[in-house]
Amino acid sequence: KKIAYPSISKAFDDYMKLQKMKPGSQNNYQITKNVLVDFSKTKYRKELTIEEIDYRFLVRFVKYLREERAIPNQPNTIAKRLKLLKA
């Protein structure tokens, strides 16, 4: 039987529902979710599932944050996005 993995945005939404977060934390998770969805739709032309996140995805995501966004992110912001993705 094949397992159906959730999309990135669904996984973020489910995680946020289960956690008791302060409004600032909720905002950070929402922004990270939006950036990830934008990245996956830009680079992969679809929203990816959590199963499709691998090392190559992470390298491309960091490059996207650092160089390819309209306003490149600072190293601390990149670290925060990766930390929230890991959670």
N, C-alpha and C. Protein backbone atom coordinates (compact mmCIF):
# COMPACT_ATOMS: atom_id res chain seq x y z
N LYS A 1 0.85 -1.19 0.00
CA LYS A 1 0.00 0.00 0.00
C LYS A 1 0.88 1.24 0.00
N LYS A 2 0.60 2.16 -0.89
CA LYS A 2 1.41 3.36 -1.04
C LYS A 2 1.00 4.43 -0.02
N ILE A 3 2.00 5.03 0.61
CA ILE A 3 1.76 6.07 1.61
C ILE A 3 1.61 7.42 0.90
N ALA A 4 0.60 8.18 1.27
CA ALA A 4 0.39 9.52 0.71
C ALA A 4 0.99 10.54 1.66
N TYR A 5 2.09 11.14 1.24
CA TYR A 5 2.76 12.15 2.06
C TYR A 5 2.10 13.51 1.85
N PRO A 6 2.03 14.34 2.91
CA PRO A 6 1.40 15.65 2.77
C PRO A 6 2.31 16.64 2.03
N SER A 7 1.70 17.65 1.47
CA SER A 7 2.48 18.72 0.84
C SER A 7 3.17 19.53 1.94
N ILE A 8 4.10 20.35 1.54
CA ILE A 8 4.83 21.17 2.50
C ILE A 8 3.88 22.08 3.27
N SER A 9 2.97 22.73 2.56
CA SER A 9 2.05 23.66 3.25
C SER A 9 1.11 22.92 4.20
N LYS A 10 0.65 21.73 3.81
CA LYS A 10 -0.22 20.93 4.68
C LYS A 10 0.53 20.50 5.94
N ALA A 11 1.79 20.09 5.77
CA ALA A 11 2.60 19.67 6.92
C ALA A 11 2.82 20.84 7.88
N PHE A 12 3.10 22.03 7.34
CA PHE A 12 3.28 23.21 8.19
C PHE A 12 1.98 23.55 8.91
N ASP A 13 0.86 23.52 8.20
CA ASP A 13 -0.44 23.83 8.82
C ASP A 13 -0.76 22.85 9.95
N ASP A 14 -0.55 21.56 9.70
CA ASP A 14 -0.83 20.55 10.72
C ASP A 14 0.06 20.75 11.94
N TYR A 15 1.35 21.04 11.71
CA TYR A 15 2.28 21.24 12.82
C TYR A 15 1.87 22.45 13.64
N MET A 16 1.48 23.53 12.97
CA MET A 16 1.10 24.75 13.68
C MET A 16 -0.17 24.54 14.50
N LYS A 17 -1.09 23.70 14.04
CA LYS A 17 -2.32 23.42 14.78
C LYS A 17 -2.02 22.64 16.06
N LEU A 18 -1.03 21.75 16.00
CA LEU A 18 -0.70 20.90 17.15
C LEU A 18 0.12 21.62 18.22
N GLN A 19 0.82 22.68 17.85
CA GLN A 19 1.69 23.39 18.78
C GLN A 19 1.00 24.61 19.36
N LYS A 20 1.35 24.91 20.61
CA LYS A 20 0.87 26.14 21.22
C LYS A 20 1.96 27.19 21.02
N MET A 21 1.70 28.10 20.09
CA MET A 21 2.71 29.09 19.72
C MET A 21 2.24 30.49 20.02
N LYS A 22 3.21 31.34 20.29
CA LYS A 22 2.92 32.76 20.42
C LYS A 22 2.71 33.33 19.02
N PRO A 23 2.04 34.48 18.93
CA PRO A 23 1.75 35.06 17.61
C PRO A 23 3.00 35.29 16.75
N GLY A 24 4.11 35.68 17.37
CA GLY A 24 5.34 35.91 16.61
C GLY A 24 5.86 34.63 15.98
N SER A 25 5.79 33.53 16.74
CA SER A 25 6.23 32.23 16.21
C SER A 25 5.32 31.77 15.08
N GLN A 26 4.02 31.96 15.26
CA GLN A 26 3.08 31.60 14.19
C GLN A 26 3.40 32.37 12.92
N ASN A 27 3.71 33.64 13.07
CA ASN A 27 4.04 34.48 11.92
C ASN A 27 5.31 33.97 11.23
N ASN A 28 6.34 33.59 12.01
CA ASN A 28 7.57 33.06 11.43
C ASN A 28 7.32 31.77 10.66
N TYR A 29 6.52 30.88 11.22
CA TYR A 29 6.19 29.63 10.53
C TYR A 29 5.39 29.90 9.25
N GLN A 30 4.48 30.84 9.32
CA GLN A 30 3.66 31.17 8.14
C GLN A 30 4.54 31.74 7.02
N ILE A 31 5.46 32.63 7.38
CA ILE A 31 6.36 33.21 6.38
C ILE A 31 7.25 32.12 5.77
N THR A 32 7.79 31.25 6.62
CA THR A 32 8.64 30.17 6.12
C THR A 32 7.86 29.26 5.19
N LYS A 33 6.63 28.94 5.56
CA LYS A 33 5.77 28.10 4.70
C LYS A 33 5.58 28.78 3.35
N ASN A 34 5.27 30.06 3.35
CA ASN A 34 5.05 30.79 2.10
C ASN A 34 6.31 30.83 1.23
N VAL A 35 7.47 31.02 1.85
CA VAL A 35 8.73 31.04 1.11
C VAL A 35 9.00 29.67 0.50
N LEU A 36 8.77 28.59 1.28
CA LEU A 36 8.99 27.23 0.77
C LEU A 36 8.05 26.90 -0.39
N VAL A 37 6.80 27.28 -0.27
CA VAL A 37 5.84 27.02 -1.34
C VAL A 37 6.22 27.80 -2.59
N ASP A 38 6.61 29.06 -2.42
CA ASP A 38 7.05 29.88 -3.55
C ASP A 38 8.28 29.26 -4.21
N PHE A 39 9.23 28.82 -3.39
CA PHE A 39 10.44 28.19 -3.93
C PHE A 39 10.10 26.92 -4.71
N SER A 40 9.29 26.05 -4.13
CA SER A 40 8.98 24.79 -4.82
C SER A 40 8.21 25.03 -6.11
N LYS A 41 7.33 26.01 -6.11
CA LYS A 41 6.58 26.29 -7.34
C LYS A 41 7.47 26.96 -8.39
N THR A 42 8.45 27.74 -7.94
CA THR A 42 9.37 28.40 -8.87
C THR A 42 10.35 27.41 -9.47
N LYS A 43 10.94 26.58 -8.64
CA LYS A 43 12.00 25.67 -9.09
C LYS A 43 11.49 24.33 -9.60
N TYR A 44 10.41 23.84 -9.04
CA TYR A 44 9.92 22.51 -9.40
C TYR A 44 8.58 22.56 -10.13
N ARG A 45 8.01 23.74 -10.27
CA ARG A 45 6.74 23.97 -10.98
C ARG A 45 5.54 23.29 -10.32
N LYS A 46 5.68 22.91 -9.06
CA LYS A 46 4.57 22.33 -8.30
C LYS A 46 4.93 22.43 -6.83
N GLU A 47 3.94 22.23 -5.98
CA GLU A 47 4.24 22.17 -4.55
C GLU A 47 4.67 20.76 -4.20
N LEU A 48 5.82 20.65 -3.59
CA LEU A 48 6.38 19.35 -3.28
C LEU A 48 5.77 18.75 -2.02
N THR A 49 5.92 17.45 -1.89
CA THR A 49 5.52 16.78 -0.65
C THR A 49 6.74 16.69 0.25
N ILE A 50 6.52 16.37 1.51
CA ILE A 50 7.65 16.31 2.44
C ILE A 50 8.60 15.16 2.08
N GLU A 51 8.11 14.16 1.39
CA GLU A 51 8.96 13.05 0.96
C GLU A 51 10.03 13.51 -0.04
N GLU A 52 9.75 14.56 -0.78
CA GLU A 52 10.66 15.02 -1.83
C GLU A 52 11.74 15.98 -1.32
N ILE A 53 11.74 16.26 -0.04
CA ILE A 53 12.77 17.13 0.53
C ILE A 53 14.01 16.27 0.80
N ASP A 54 15.10 16.61 0.13
CA ASP A 54 16.36 15.90 0.32
C ASP A 54 17.50 16.91 0.34
N TYR A 55 18.73 16.40 0.34
CA TYR A 55 19.90 17.28 0.42
C TYR A 55 19.94 18.25 -0.75
N ARG A 56 19.66 17.77 -1.94
CA ARG A 56 19.69 18.64 -3.14
C ARG A 56 18.66 19.76 -3.01
N PHE A 57 17.48 19.42 -2.49
CA PHE A 57 16.45 20.43 -2.25
C PHE A 57 16.98 21.50 -1.30
N LEU A 58 17.61 21.08 -0.20
CA LEU A 58 18.11 22.04 0.79
C LEU A 58 19.19 22.94 0.20
N VAL A 59 20.09 22.39 -0.60
CA VAL A 59 21.15 23.20 -1.22
C VAL A 59 20.52 24.22 -2.17
N ARG A 60 19.57 23.81 -2.96
CA ARG A 60 18.89 24.74 -3.89
C ARG A 60 18.09 25.79 -3.12
N PHE A 61 17.48 25.39 -2.00
CA PHE A 61 16.71 26.33 -1.19
C PHE A 61 17.61 27.40 -0.58
N VAL A 62 18.76 27.00 -0.05
CA VAL A 62 19.70 27.97 0.52
C VAL A 62 20.19 28.93 -0.57
N LYS A 63 20.52 28.41 -1.74
CA LYS A 63 20.96 29.27 -2.85
C LYS A 63 19.86 30.24 -3.24
N TYR A 64 18.63 29.75 -3.26
CA TYR A 64 17.48 30.60 -3.58
C TYR A 64 17.36 31.73 -2.56
N LEU A 65 17.45 31.40 -1.28
CA LEU A 65 17.33 32.42 -0.24
C LEU A 65 18.47 33.43 -0.32
N ARG A 66 19.66 32.95 -0.59
CA ARG A 66 20.85 33.79 -0.57
C ARG A 66 20.98 34.67 -1.81
N GLU A 67 20.61 34.14 -2.98
CA GLU A 67 20.93 34.84 -4.22
C GLU A 67 19.75 35.13 -5.14
N GLU A 68 18.74 34.30 -5.15
CA GLU A 68 17.75 34.36 -6.22
C GLU A 68 16.46 35.08 -5.88
N ARG A 69 16.23 35.38 -4.62
CA ARG A 69 15.02 36.12 -4.25
C ARG A 69 15.18 37.57 -4.64
N ALA A 70 14.07 38.27 -4.76
CA ALA A 70 14.11 39.70 -5.11
C ALA A 70 14.95 40.47 -4.08
N ILE A 71 14.78 40.14 -2.81
CA ILE A 71 15.59 40.72 -1.74
C ILE A 71 16.31 39.56 -1.07
N PRO A 72 17.63 39.40 -1.34
CA PRO A 72 18.37 38.27 -0.74
C PRO A 72 18.32 38.31 0.79
N ASN A 73 18.29 37.13 1.40
CA ASN A 73 18.24 37.03 2.85
C ASN A 73 19.63 37.05 3.47
N GLN A 74 19.68 37.51 4.70
CA GLN A 74 20.91 37.51 5.48
C GLN A 74 21.15 36.10 6.05
N PRO A 75 22.39 35.78 6.44
CA PRO A 75 22.69 34.44 6.96
C PRO A 75 21.82 34.03 8.15
N ASN A 76 21.52 34.95 9.06
CA ASN A 76 20.68 34.59 10.21
C ASN A 76 19.26 34.25 9.80
N THR A 77 18.73 34.94 8.80
CA THR A 77 17.39 34.64 8.30
C THR A 77 17.37 33.27 7.63
N ILE A 78 18.41 32.98 6.86
CA ILE A 78 18.51 31.67 6.22
C ILE A 78 18.54 30.57 7.27
N ALA A 79 19.33 30.77 8.32
CA ALA A 79 19.41 29.78 9.40
C ALA A 79 18.06 29.59 10.07
N LYS A 80 17.31 30.68 10.26
CA LYS A 80 15.99 30.59 10.87
C LYS A 80 15.03 29.80 9.99
N ARG A 81 15.06 30.04 8.67
CA ARG A 81 14.17 29.31 7.76
C ARG A 81 14.49 27.82 7.79
N LEU A 82 15.78 27.46 7.81
CA LEU A 82 16.17 26.05 7.85
C LEU A 82 15.78 25.40 9.17
N LYS A 83 15.91 26.15 10.27
CA LYS A 83 15.53 25.63 11.58
C LYS A 83 14.04 25.33 11.64
N LEU A 84 13.22 26.24 11.09
CA LEU A 84 11.77 26.02 11.11
C LEU A 84 11.38 24.88 10.17
N LEU A 85 12.08 24.74 9.06
CA LEU A 85 11.82 23.62 8.16
C LEU A 85 12.15 22.30 8.86
N LYS A 86 13.25 22.28 9.60
CA LYS A 86 13.65 21.06 10.31
C LYS A 86 12.60 20.67 11.36
N ALA A 87 12.02 21.66 12.03
CA ALA A 87 11.02 21.38 13.06
C ALA A 87 9.81 20.73 12.41
